[in-house]
Amino acid sequence: MEKYAKNKPVILCCILFAVCMCVRFIEYFALRTDETVIGENLIHKAAGIVLLFSVLKAANMKWSDIGFIKRGLAKNILLGLLLSAVCFAISYGAELILLSAQGNAAHIELYISGFSLTGAAVKNTGILFFLLCIVFNIINVWMEEGLFRGFFIKVLSDKYTFMKANLAAALLFGVWHFVMPVRSFIGGEMGLGQMFMLAAGYIVLSGLMSIKWGLLYKMTGSLWLGAADHFFNNTVASNMLHVVTDSGADEMQIVRIMLAQIVSFVFVVTVYRQYRRKAY
């Protein structure tokens, strides 16, 4: 496995991606774990961690080799949370101002709901729901950051330039997210045109987020800063903090997330350019 990772990293990454995607499809379309009491598609993420653990062991690699390092752990986590908090403060503020300008009174509510392309339907305010949301998203971020940014960028960078490795990982991460609108289409929640539009949007948005997290990985040598930003996006912005109006909740959630991520992306790219100038 070690020689395979060095000599044929593209094939190895594609195989791992295909295996994880197959399990993801099974859970999304057959098991539908998020429609059970668990409320989250968790099985394929746990399976991805187990697969990644096995691959690392077979390739004679450690978790620290793909960015899970102890050095600067607390600092990078705090910086990641701060980055995400500031960018989402801007996007939440913009959303509230826009809704107010339209004469649509809106306010923010704190509760747990499953992430949905059509908005939140159930409000859970018990402490257990918040704890489960945090734990489930830690598993989610561990799997996705470990595989897409950590392992993929690591093995691809050993043979190709970092930027090529980062773009390849971003492409795979974007494709990873097209499952959500496809299931909504099959379930009759949206039409074919809307499905293609949202699928394209998800691929582009997820790809940009992946590029950003890859740049943070490159600058810090650690996955923690990007992982913290990823965690805030998934936990707080998507599942906990909701914008509610008389007509519903989170009707502009996708726009809110896109705005926050675009602001964050521009900021990180600007910092990365400064980083490159100093490095070279």
C-alpha atoms as a PDB file:
ATOM      1  CA  MET A   1       0.000   0.000   0.000  1.00  0.00           C
ATOM      2  CA  GLU A   2       2.880   2.369   0.801  1.00  0.00           C
ATOM      3  CA  LYS A   3       4.399   1.947  -2.667  1.00  0.00           C
ATOM      4  CA  TYR A   4       0.963   2.219  -4.270  1.00  0.00           C
ATOM      5  CA  ALA A   5       0.323   5.507  -2.490  1.00  0.00           C
ATOM      6  CA  LYS A   6       3.621   6.909  -3.769  1.00  0.00           C
ATOM      7  CA  ASN A   7       3.498   5.574  -7.331  1.00  0.00           C
ATOM      8  CA  LYS A   8      -0.220   5.614  -8.159  1.00  0.00           C
ATOM      9  CA  PRO A   9      -1.842   8.144  -5.810  1.00  0.00           C
ATOM     10  CA  VAL A  10      -4.564   9.158  -8.293  1.00  0.00           C
ATOM     11  CA  ILE A  11      -5.822   5.595  -8.664  1.00  0.00           C
ATOM     12  CA  LEU A  12      -5.702   5.041  -4.907  1.00  0.00           C
ATOM     13  CA  CYS A  13      -7.647   8.239  -4.201  1.00  0.00           C
ATOM     14  CA  CYS A  14     -10.271   7.355  -6.815  1.00  0.00           C
ATOM     15  CA  ILE A  15     -10.711   3.872  -5.347  1.00  0.00           C
ATOM     16  CA  LEU A  16     -11.128   5.219  -1.803  1.00  0.00           C
ATOM     17  CA  PHE A  17     -13.543   7.865  -3.036  1.00  0.00           C
ATOM     18  CA  ALA A  18     -15.603   5.297  -4.956  1.00  0.00           C
ATOM     19  CA  VAL A  19     -15.844   2.984  -1.931  1.00  0.00           C
ATOM     20  CA  CYS A  20     -16.931   5.825   0.357  1.00  0.00           C
ATOM     21  CA  MET A  21     -19.409   7.098  -2.234  1.00  0.00           C
ATOM     22  CA  CYS A  22     -20.986   3.643  -2.561  1.00  0.00           C
ATOM     23  CA  VAL A  23     -21.564   3.465   1.199  1.00  0.00           C
ATOM     24  CA  ARG A  24     -22.895   7.038   1.104  1.00  0.00           C
ATOM     25  CA  PHE A  25     -25.409   6.094  -1.608  1.00  0.00           C
ATOM     26  CA  ILE A  26     -26.550   3.055   0.362  1.00  0.00           C
ATOM     27  CA  GLU A  27     -27.168   5.122   3.468  1.00  0.00           C
ATOM     28  CA  TYR A  28     -28.838   8.035   1.681  1.00  0.00           C
ATOM     29  CA  PHE A  29     -31.130   5.997  -0.570  1.00  0.00           C
ATOM     30  CA  ALA A  30     -31.643   2.682   1.268  1.00  0.00           C
ATOM     31  CA  LEU A  31     -30.974   3.049   4.995  1.00  0.00           C
ATOM     32  CA  ARG A  32     -32.045   6.721   5.224  1.00  0.00           C
ATOM     33  CA  THR A  33     -30.551   7.025   8.687  1.00  0.00           C
ATOM     34  CA  ASP A  34     -31.348  10.722   8.853  1.00  0.00           C
ATOM     35  CA  GLU A  35     -35.064   9.855   8.810  1.00  0.00           C
ATOM     36  CA  THR A  36     -34.720   7.677  11.916  1.00  0.00           C
ATOM     37  CA  VAL A  37     -34.339   8.647  15.577  1.00  0.00           C
ATOM     38  CA  ILE A  38     -30.610   9.233  14.862  1.00  0.00           C
ATOM     39  CA  GLY A  39     -31.496  12.121  12.569  1.00  0.00           C
ATOM     40  CA  GLU A  40     -28.163  12.006  10.746  1.00  0.00           C
ATOM     41  CA  ASN A  41     -26.521  10.023   7.956  1.00  0.00           C
ATOM     42  CA  LEU A  42     -23.729   8.810  10.191  1.00  0.00           C
ATOM     43  CA  ILE A  43     -22.912   5.277   9.041  1.00  0.00           C
ATOM     44  CA  HIS A  44     -20.960   6.176   5.905  1.00  0.00           C
ATOM     45  CA  LYS A  45     -18.917   8.754   7.842  1.00  0.00           C
ATOM     46  CA  ALA A  46     -17.988   6.192  10.508  1.00  0.00           C
ATOM     47  CA  ALA A  47     -17.214   3.677   7.765  1.00  0.00           C
ATOM     48  CA  GLY A  48     -14.986   6.272   6.092  1.00  0.00           C
ATOM     49  CA  ILE A  49     -12.996   6.752   9.305  1.00  0.00           C
ATOM     50  CA  VAL A  50     -12.526   2.990   9.647  1.00  0.00           C
ATOM     51  CA  LEU A  51     -11.436   2.770   6.007  1.00  0.00           C
ATOM     52  CA  LEU A  52      -9.020   5.665   6.414  1.00  0.00           C
ATOM     53  CA  PHE A  53      -7.581   4.098   9.580  1.00  0.00           C
ATOM     54  CA  SER A  54      -6.990   0.837   7.688  1.00  0.00           C
ATOM     55  CA  VAL A  55      -5.372   2.587   4.721  1.00  0.00           C
ATOM     56  CA  LEU A  56      -3.070   4.640   6.943  1.00  0.00           C
ATOM     57  CA  LYS A  57      -1.966   1.520   8.763  1.00  0.00           C
ATOM     58  CA  ALA A  58      -1.374  -0.373   5.508  1.00  0.00           C
ATOM     59  CA  ALA A  59       0.586   2.574   4.081  1.00  0.00           C
ATOM     60  CA  ASN A  60       2.697   2.818   7.244  1.00  0.00           C
ATOM     61  CA  MET A  61       1.344   6.305   7.969  1.00  0.00           C
ATOM     62  CA  LYS A  62       0.106   8.014  11.132  1.00  0.00           C
ATOM     63  CA  TRP A  63      -2.799  10.398  11.671  1.00  0.00           C
ATOM     64  CA  SER A  64      -0.214  13.127  12.266  1.00  0.00           C
ATOM     65  CA  ASP A  65       1.156  12.507   8.755  1.00  0.00           C
ATOM     66  CA  ILE A  66      -2.107  13.763   7.255  1.00  0.00           C
ATOM     67  CA  GLY A  67      -2.473  16.851   9.433  1.00  0.00           C
ATOM     68  CA  PHE A  68      -3.883  15.703  12.762  1.00  0.00           C
ATOM     69  CA  ILE A  69      -0.955  17.083  14.739  1.00  0.00           C
ATOM     70  CA  LYS A  70      -0.781  18.218  18.369  1.00  0.00           C
ATOM     71  CA  ARG A  71       1.339  21.302  17.743  1.00  0.00           C
ATOM     72  CA  GLY A  72      -0.845  24.410  17.742  1.00  0.00           C
ATOM     73  CA  LEU A  73      -4.031  22.368  18.161  1.00  0.00           C
ATOM     74  CA  ALA A  74      -5.882  24.762  20.520  1.00  0.00           C
ATOM     75  CA  LYS A  75      -4.717  27.879  18.665  1.00  0.00           C
ATOM     76  CA  ASN A  76      -5.773  26.569  15.252  1.00  0.00           C
ATOM     77  CA  ILE A  77      -9.166  25.403  16.508  1.00  0.00           C
ATOM     78  CA  LEU A  78      -9.861  28.810  18.049  1.00  0.00           C
ATOM     79  CA  LEU A  79      -8.743  30.611  14.875  1.00  0.00           C
ATOM     80  CA  GLY A  80     -10.957  28.350  12.753  1.00  0.00           C
ATOM     81  CA  LEU A  81     -13.991  28.993  14.937  1.00  0.00           C
ATOM     82  CA  LEU A  82     -13.267  32.736  14.928  1.00  0.00           C
ATOM     83  CA  LEU A  83     -12.943  32.811  11.128  1.00  0.00           C
ATOM     84  CA  SER A  84     -16.265  31.048  10.677  1.00  0.00           C
ATOM     85  CA  ALA A  85     -18.033  33.067  13.396  1.00  0.00           C
ATOM     86  CA  VAL A  86     -17.045  36.409  11.861  1.00  0.00           C
ATOM     87  CA  CYS A  87     -17.998  35.403   8.311  1.00  0.00           C
ATOM     88  CA  PHE A  88     -21.346  33.997   9.399  1.00  0.00           C
ATOM     89  CA  ALA A  89     -22.033  37.075  11.542  1.00  0.00           C
ATOM     90  CA  ILE A  90     -21.742  39.049   8.295  1.00  0.00           C
ATOM     91  CA  SER A  91     -24.016  36.684   6.364  1.00  0.00           C
ATOM     92  CA  TYR A  92     -26.647  36.429   9.123  1.00  0.00           C
ATOM     93  CA  GLY A  93     -26.651  40.207   9.424  1.00  0.00           C
ATOM     94  CA  ALA A  94     -27.039  40.642   5.672  1.00  0.00           C
ATOM     95  CA  GLU A  95     -29.914  38.158   5.623  1.00  0.00           C
ATOM     96  CA  LEU A  96     -31.774  39.902   8.444  1.00  0.00           C
ATOM     97  CA  ILE A  97     -31.307  43.304   6.795  1.00  0.00           C
ATOM     98  CA  LEU A  98     -32.526  41.987   3.440  1.00  0.00           C
ATOM     99  CA  LEU A  99     -35.602  40.373   4.961  1.00  0.00           C
ATOM    100  CA  SER A 100     -36.376  43.538   6.908  1.00  0.00           C
ATOM    101  CA  ALA A 101     -36.056  45.642   3.738  1.00  0.00           C
ATOM    102  CA  GLN A 102     -38.604  43.333   2.111  1.00  0.00           C
ATOM    103  CA  GLY A 103     -41.017  43.922   4.972  1.00  0.00           C
ATOM    104  CA  ASN A 104     -40.574  40.352   6.223  1.00  0.00           C
ATOM    105  CA  ALA A 105     -39.908  40.459   9.960  1.00  0.00           C
ATOM    106  CA  ALA A 106     -37.264  37.905  10.932  1.00  0.00           C
ATOM    107  CA  HIS A 107     -35.501  36.784  14.065  1.00  0.00           C
ATOM    108  CA  ILE A 108     -32.911  34.195  15.067  1.00  0.00           C
ATOM    109  CA  GLU A 109     -33.821  31.048  17.015  1.00  0.00           C
ATOM    110  CA  LEU A 110     -31.569  28.412  18.554  1.00  0.00           C
ATOM    111  CA  TYR A 111     -32.719  24.824  18.081  1.00  0.00           C
ATOM    112  CA  ILE A 112     -31.640  21.592  16.420  1.00  0.00           C
ATOM    113  CA  SER A 113     -32.970  20.414  13.096  1.00  0.00           C
ATOM    114  CA  GLY A 114     -31.727  18.069  10.435  1.00  0.00           C
ATOM    115  CA  PHE A 115     -30.125  19.909   7.515  1.00  0.00           C
ATOM    116  CA  SER A 116     -32.597  20.068   4.642  1.00  0.00           C
ATOM    117  CA  LEU A 117     -32.619  21.683   1.229  1.00  0.00           C
ATOM    118  CA  THR A 118     -36.219  22.677   1.893  1.00  0.00           C
ATOM    119  CA  GLY A 119     -35.680  24.147   5.381  1.00  0.00           C
ATOM    120  CA  ALA A 120     -36.035  23.067   8.986  1.00  0.00           C
ATOM    121  CA  ALA A 121     -39.315  21.401   9.934  1.00  0.00           C
ATOM    122  CA  VAL A 122     -38.817  20.237  13.526  1.00  0.00           C
ATOM    123  CA  LYS A 123     -37.501  22.276  16.455  1.00  0.00           C
ATOM    124  CA  ASN A 124     -35.609  20.292  19.100  1.00  0.00           C
ATOM    125  CA  THR A 125     -34.357  22.312  22.067  1.00  0.00           C
ATOM    126  CA  GLY A 126     -33.325  19.555  24.494  1.00  0.00           C
ATOM    127  CA  ILE A 127     -29.687  19.443  25.598  1.00  0.00           C
ATOM    128  CA  LEU A 128     -29.381  15.876  24.308  1.00  0.00           C
ATOM    129  CA  PHE A 129     -30.128  17.012  20.762  1.00  0.00           C
ATOM    130  CA  PHE A 130     -27.410  19.657  20.957  1.00  0.00           C
ATOM    131  CA  LEU A 131     -24.878  17.148  22.290  1.00  0.00           C
ATOM    132  CA  LEU A 132     -25.752  14.595  19.609  1.00  0.00           C
ATOM    133  CA  CYS A 133     -25.461  17.268  16.944  1.00  0.00           C
ATOM    134  CA  ILE A 134     -21.973  18.174  18.175  1.00  0.00           C
ATOM    135  CA  VAL A 135     -20.801  14.541  18.371  1.00  0.00           C
ATOM    136  CA  PHE A 136     -22.223  13.626  14.962  1.00  0.00           C
ATOM    137  CA  ASN A 137     -20.589  16.628  13.329  1.00  0.00           C
ATOM    138  CA  ILE A 138     -17.239  15.878  14.953  1.00  0.00           C
ATOM    139  CA  ILE A 139     -17.400  12.457  13.279  1.00  0.00           C
ATOM    140  CA  ASN A 140     -18.455  14.079  10.019  1.00  0.00           C
ATOM    141  CA  VAL A 141     -15.604  16.597  10.048  1.00  0.00           C
ATOM    142  CA  TRP A 142     -13.059  13.983  11.130  1.00  0.00           C
ATOM    143  CA  MET A 143     -13.931  11.775   8.178  1.00  0.00           C
ATOM    144  CA  GLU A 144     -14.171  14.482   5.512  1.00  0.00           C
ATOM    145  CA  GLU A 145     -11.120  16.474   6.599  1.00  0.00           C
ATOM    146  CA  GLY A 146      -9.061  13.343   7.164  1.00  0.00           C
ATOM    147  CA  LEU A 147      -9.902  11.870   3.771  1.00  0.00           C
ATOM    148  CA  PHE A 148     -10.302  14.815   1.394  1.00  0.00           C
ATOM    149  CA  ARG A 149      -7.853  17.353   2.789  1.00  0.00           C
ATOM    150  CA  GLY A 150      -5.552  15.132   4.836  1.00  0.00           C
ATOM    151  CA  PHE A 151      -5.002  11.917   2.913  1.00  0.00           C
ATOM    152  CA  PHE A 152      -5.853  12.998  -0.641  1.00  0.00           C
ATOM    153  CA  ILE A 153      -3.765  16.173  -0.575  1.00  0.00           C
ATOM    154  CA  LYS A 154      -0.915  14.418   1.231  1.00  0.00           C
ATOM    155  CA  VAL A 155      -0.475  11.523  -1.214  1.00  0.00           C
ATOM    156  CA  LEU A 156      -1.185  13.613  -4.318  1.00  0.00           C
ATOM    157  CA  SER A 157       1.276  16.324  -3.217  1.00  0.00           C
ATOM    158  CA  ASP A 158       4.066  13.750  -3.040  1.00  0.00           C
ATOM    159  CA  LYS A 159       3.851  13.387  -6.827  1.00  0.00           C
ATOM    160  CA  TYR A 160       2.174  16.584  -8.042  1.00  0.00           C
ATOM    161  CA  THR A 161       2.185  20.233  -7.016  1.00  0.00           C
ATOM    162  CA  PHE A 162       0.169  21.253  -3.987  1.00  0.00           C
ATOM    163  CA  MET A 163      -2.228  23.318  -6.086  1.00  0.00           C
ATOM    164  CA  LYS A 164      -3.005  20.384  -8.385  1.00  0.00           C
ATOM    165  CA  ALA A 165      -3.524  18.144  -5.356  1.00  0.00           C
ATOM    166  CA  ASN A 166      -5.770  20.715  -3.698  1.00  0.00           C
ATOM    167  CA  LEU A 167      -7.881  21.184  -6.839  1.00  0.00           C
ATOM    168  CA  ALA A 168      -8.241  17.416  -7.288  1.00  0.00           C
ATOM    169  CA  ALA A 169      -9.377  16.997  -3.685  1.00  0.00           C
ATOM    170  CA  ALA A 170     -11.801  19.908  -4.131  1.00  0.00           C
ATOM    171  CA  LEU A 171     -13.306  18.316  -7.247  1.00  0.00           C
ATOM    172  CA  LEU A 172     -13.922  15.053  -5.415  1.00  0.00           C
ATOM    173  CA  PHE A 173     -15.347  16.915  -2.420  1.00  0.00           C
ATOM    174  CA  GLY A 174     -17.714  18.815  -4.692  1.00  0.00           C
ATOM    175  CA  VAL A 175     -18.970  15.644  -6.366  1.00  0.00           C
ATOM    176  CA  TRP A 176     -19.362  14.112  -2.886  1.00  0.00           C
ATOM    177  CA  HIS A 177     -22.184  16.578  -2.163  1.00  0.00           C
ATOM    178  CA  PHE A 178     -24.356  16.127  -5.244  1.00  0.00           C
ATOM    179  CA  VAL A 179     -26.111  13.206  -3.514  1.00  0.00           C
ATOM    180  CA  MET A 180     -28.278  15.566  -1.459  1.00  0.00           C
ATOM    181  CA  PRO A 181     -30.212  17.274  -4.293  1.00  0.00           C
ATOM    182  CA  VAL A 182     -30.482  13.968  -6.185  1.00  0.00           C
ATOM    183  CA  ARG A 183     -32.291  12.353  -3.257  1.00  0.00           C
ATOM    184  CA  SER A 184     -34.568  15.375  -2.909  1.00  0.00           C
ATOM    185  CA  PHE A 185     -35.469  15.028  -6.607  1.00  0.00           C
ATOM    186  CA  ILE A 186     -36.158  11.308  -6.301  1.00  0.00           C
ATOM    187  CA  GLY A 187     -38.267  11.992  -3.211  1.00  0.00           C
ATOM    188  CA  GLY A 188     -40.377  14.484  -5.148  1.00  0.00           C
ATOM    189  CA  GLU A 189     -39.240  17.514  -3.140  1.00  0.00           C
ATOM    190  CA  MET A 190     -37.983  19.346  -6.235  1.00  0.00           C
ATOM    191  CA  GLY A 191     -38.082  19.191 -10.022  1.00  0.00           C
ATOM    192  CA  LEU A 192     -35.365  18.065 -12.414  1.00  0.00           C
ATOM    193  CA  GLY A 193     -34.266  21.590 -13.292  1.00  0.00           C
ATOM    194  CA  GLN A 194     -34.019  22.599  -9.647  1.00  0.00           C
ATOM    195  CA  MET A 195     -32.075  19.437  -8.904  1.00  0.00           C
ATOM    196  CA  PHE A 196     -29.451  20.211 -11.570  1.00  0.00           C
ATOM    197  CA  MET A 197     -29.227  23.823 -10.421  1.00  0.00           C
ATOM    198  CA  LEU A 198     -28.732  22.884  -6.784  1.00  0.00           C
ATOM    199  CA  ALA A 199     -26.374  20.012  -7.646  1.00  0.00           C
ATOM    200  CA  ALA A 200     -24.177  22.390  -9.643  1.00  0.00           C
ATOM    201  CA  GLY A 201     -24.348  24.945  -6.849  1.00  0.00           C
ATOM    202  CA  TYR A 202     -23.398  22.378  -4.235  1.00  0.00           C
ATOM    203  CA  ILE A 203     -20.490  21.098  -6.293  1.00  0.00           C
ATOM    204  CA  VAL A 204     -19.124  24.612  -6.825  1.00  0.00           C
ATOM    205  CA  LEU A 205     -19.722  25.753  -3.230  1.00  0.00           C
ATOM    206  CA  SER A 206     -18.295  22.580  -1.696  1.00  0.00           C
ATOM    207  CA  GLY A 207     -15.345  22.795  -4.076  1.00  0.00           C
ATOM    208  CA  LEU A 208     -14.568  26.371  -3.009  1.00  0.00           C
ATOM    209  CA  MET A 209     -14.836  25.406   0.645  1.00  0.00           C
ATOM    210  CA  SER A 210     -12.475  22.486   0.046  1.00  0.00           C
ATOM    211  CA  ILE A 211      -9.928  24.717  -1.705  1.00  0.00           C
ATOM    212  CA  LYS A 212     -10.086  27.139   1.241  1.00  0.00           C
ATOM    213  CA  TRP A 213      -9.562  24.370   3.798  1.00  0.00           C
ATOM    214  CA  GLY A 214      -6.724  22.984   1.681  1.00  0.00           C
ATOM    215  CA  LEU A 215      -5.010  26.386   1.716  1.00  0.00           C
ATOM    216  CA  LEU A 216      -5.378  26.548   5.499  1.00  0.00           C
ATOM    217  CA  TYR A 217      -3.840  23.069   5.700  1.00  0.00           C
ATOM    218  CA  LYS A 218      -0.919  24.198   3.552  1.00  0.00           C
ATOM    219  CA  MET A 219      -0.264  27.349   5.589  1.00  0.00           C
ATOM    220  CA  THR A 220      -0.491  25.726   9.029  1.00  0.00           C
ATOM    221  CA  GLY A 221       0.616  22.158   8.277  1.00  0.00           C
ATOM    222  CA  SER A 222      -2.422  21.157  10.317  1.00  0.00           C
ATOM    223  CA  LEU A 223      -6.033  20.188   9.587  1.00  0.00           C
ATOM    224  CA  TRP A 224      -7.369  21.726  12.791  1.00  0.00           C
ATOM    225  CA  LEU A 225      -7.997  25.284  11.588  1.00  0.00           C
ATOM    226  CA  GLY A 226      -9.969  24.142   8.554  1.00  0.00           C
ATOM    227  CA  ALA A 227     -11.699  21.431  10.568  1.00  0.00           C
ATOM    228  CA  ALA A 228     -12.904  23.998  13.127  1.00  0.00           C
ATOM    229  CA  ASP A 229     -14.257  26.220  10.352  1.00  0.00           C
ATOM    230  CA  HIS A 230     -15.904  23.167   8.765  1.00  0.00           C
ATOM    231  CA  PHE A 231     -17.418  22.174  12.120  1.00  0.00           C
ATOM    232  CA  PHE A 232     -18.903  25.636  12.722  1.00  0.00           C
ATOM    233  CA  ASN A 233     -20.440  25.678   9.244  1.00  0.00           C
ATOM    234  CA  ASN A 234     -22.060  22.259   9.692  1.00  0.00           C
ATOM    235  CA  THR A 235     -23.047  22.555  13.344  1.00  0.00           C
ATOM    236  CA  VAL A 236     -23.999  26.149  14.088  1.00  0.00           C
ATOM    237  CA  ALA A 237     -24.919  27.624  10.703  1.00  0.00           C
ATOM    238  CA  SER A 238     -26.642  24.555   9.265  1.00  0.00           C
ATOM    239  CA  ASN A 239     -28.158  22.894  12.329  1.00  0.00           C
ATOM    240  CA  MET A 240     -28.381  25.199  15.343  1.00  0.00           C
ATOM    241  CA  LEU A 241     -28.848  28.892  14.517  1.00  0.00           C
ATOM    242  CA  HIS A 242     -31.916  29.529  12.361  1.00  0.00           C
ATOM    243  CA  VAL A 243     -33.494  32.599  10.782  1.00  0.00           C
ATOM    244  CA  VAL A 244     -37.251  32.399  11.314  1.00  0.00           C
ATOM    245  CA  THR A 245     -40.010  34.428   9.643  1.00  0.00           C
ATOM    246  CA  ASP A 246     -43.798  34.221   9.597  1.00  0.00           C
ATOM    247  CA  SER A 247     -43.603  32.125   6.420  1.00  0.00           C
ATOM    248  CA  GLY A 248     -41.060  29.588   7.630  1.00  0.00           C
ATOM    249  CA  ALA A 249     -37.458  29.034   8.672  1.00  0.00           C
ATOM    250  CA  ASP A 250     -34.137  29.162   6.847  1.00  0.00           C
ATOM    251  CA  GLU A 251     -35.673  30.029   3.501  1.00  0.00           C
ATOM    252  CA  MET A 252     -32.427  31.745   2.547  1.00  0.00           C
ATOM    253  CA  GLN A 253     -30.111  29.237   4.227  1.00  0.00           C
ATOM    254  CA  ILE A 254     -28.208  28.350   1.062  1.00  0.00           C
ATOM    255  CA  VAL A 255     -27.686  32.035   0.254  1.00  0.00           C
ATOM    256  CA  ARG A 256     -26.526  32.682   3.818  1.00  0.00           C
ATOM    257  CA  ILE A 257     -24.000  29.852   3.677  1.00  0.00           C
ATOM    258  CA  MET A 258     -22.781  30.882   0.212  1.00  0.00           C
ATOM    259  CA  LEU A 259     -22.221  34.484   1.314  1.00  0.00           C
ATOM    260  CA  ALA A 260     -20.311  33.435   4.436  1.00  0.00           C
ATOM    261  CA  GLN A 261     -18.162  31.006   2.491  1.00  0.00           C
ATOM    262  CA  ILE A 262     -17.405  33.486  -0.296  1.00  0.00           C
ATOM    263  CA  VAL A 263     -16.306  36.099   2.251  1.00  0.00           C
ATOM    264  CA  SER A 264     -14.224  33.460   4.031  1.00  0.00           C
ATOM    265  CA  PHE A 265     -12.747  32.179   0.754  1.00  0.00           C
ATOM    266  CA  VAL A 266     -11.662  35.662  -0.365  1.00  0.00           C
ATOM    267  CA  PHE A 267     -10.066  36.322   3.024  1.00  0.00           C
ATOM    268  CA  VAL A 268      -8.143  33.019   3.087  1.00  0.00           C
ATOM    269  CA  VAL A 269      -6.955  33.418  -0.521  1.00  0.00           C
ATOM    270  CA  THR A 270      -5.690  36.915   0.326  1.00  0.00           C
ATOM    271  CA  VAL A 271      -3.812  35.582   3.366  1.00  0.00           C
ATOM    272  CA  TYR A 272      -2.429  32.696   1.303  1.00  0.00           C
ATOM    273  CA  ARG A 273      -1.018  35.078  -1.289  1.00  0.00           C
ATOM    274  CA  GLN A 274       0.815  36.914   1.471  1.00  0.00           C
ATOM    275  CA  TYR A 275       2.032  33.569   2.794  1.00  0.00           C
ATOM    276  CA  ARG A 276       3.434  32.623  -0.629  1.00  0.00           C
ATOM    277  CA  ARG A 277       5.219  35.954  -1.013  1.00  0.00           C
ATOM    278  CA  LYS A 278       6.953  35.470   2.314  1.00  0.00           C
ATOM    279  CA  ALA A 279       7.744  31.815   1.573  1.00  0.00           C
ATOM    280  CA  TYR A 280       9.330  32.606  -1.775  1.00  0.00           C
END
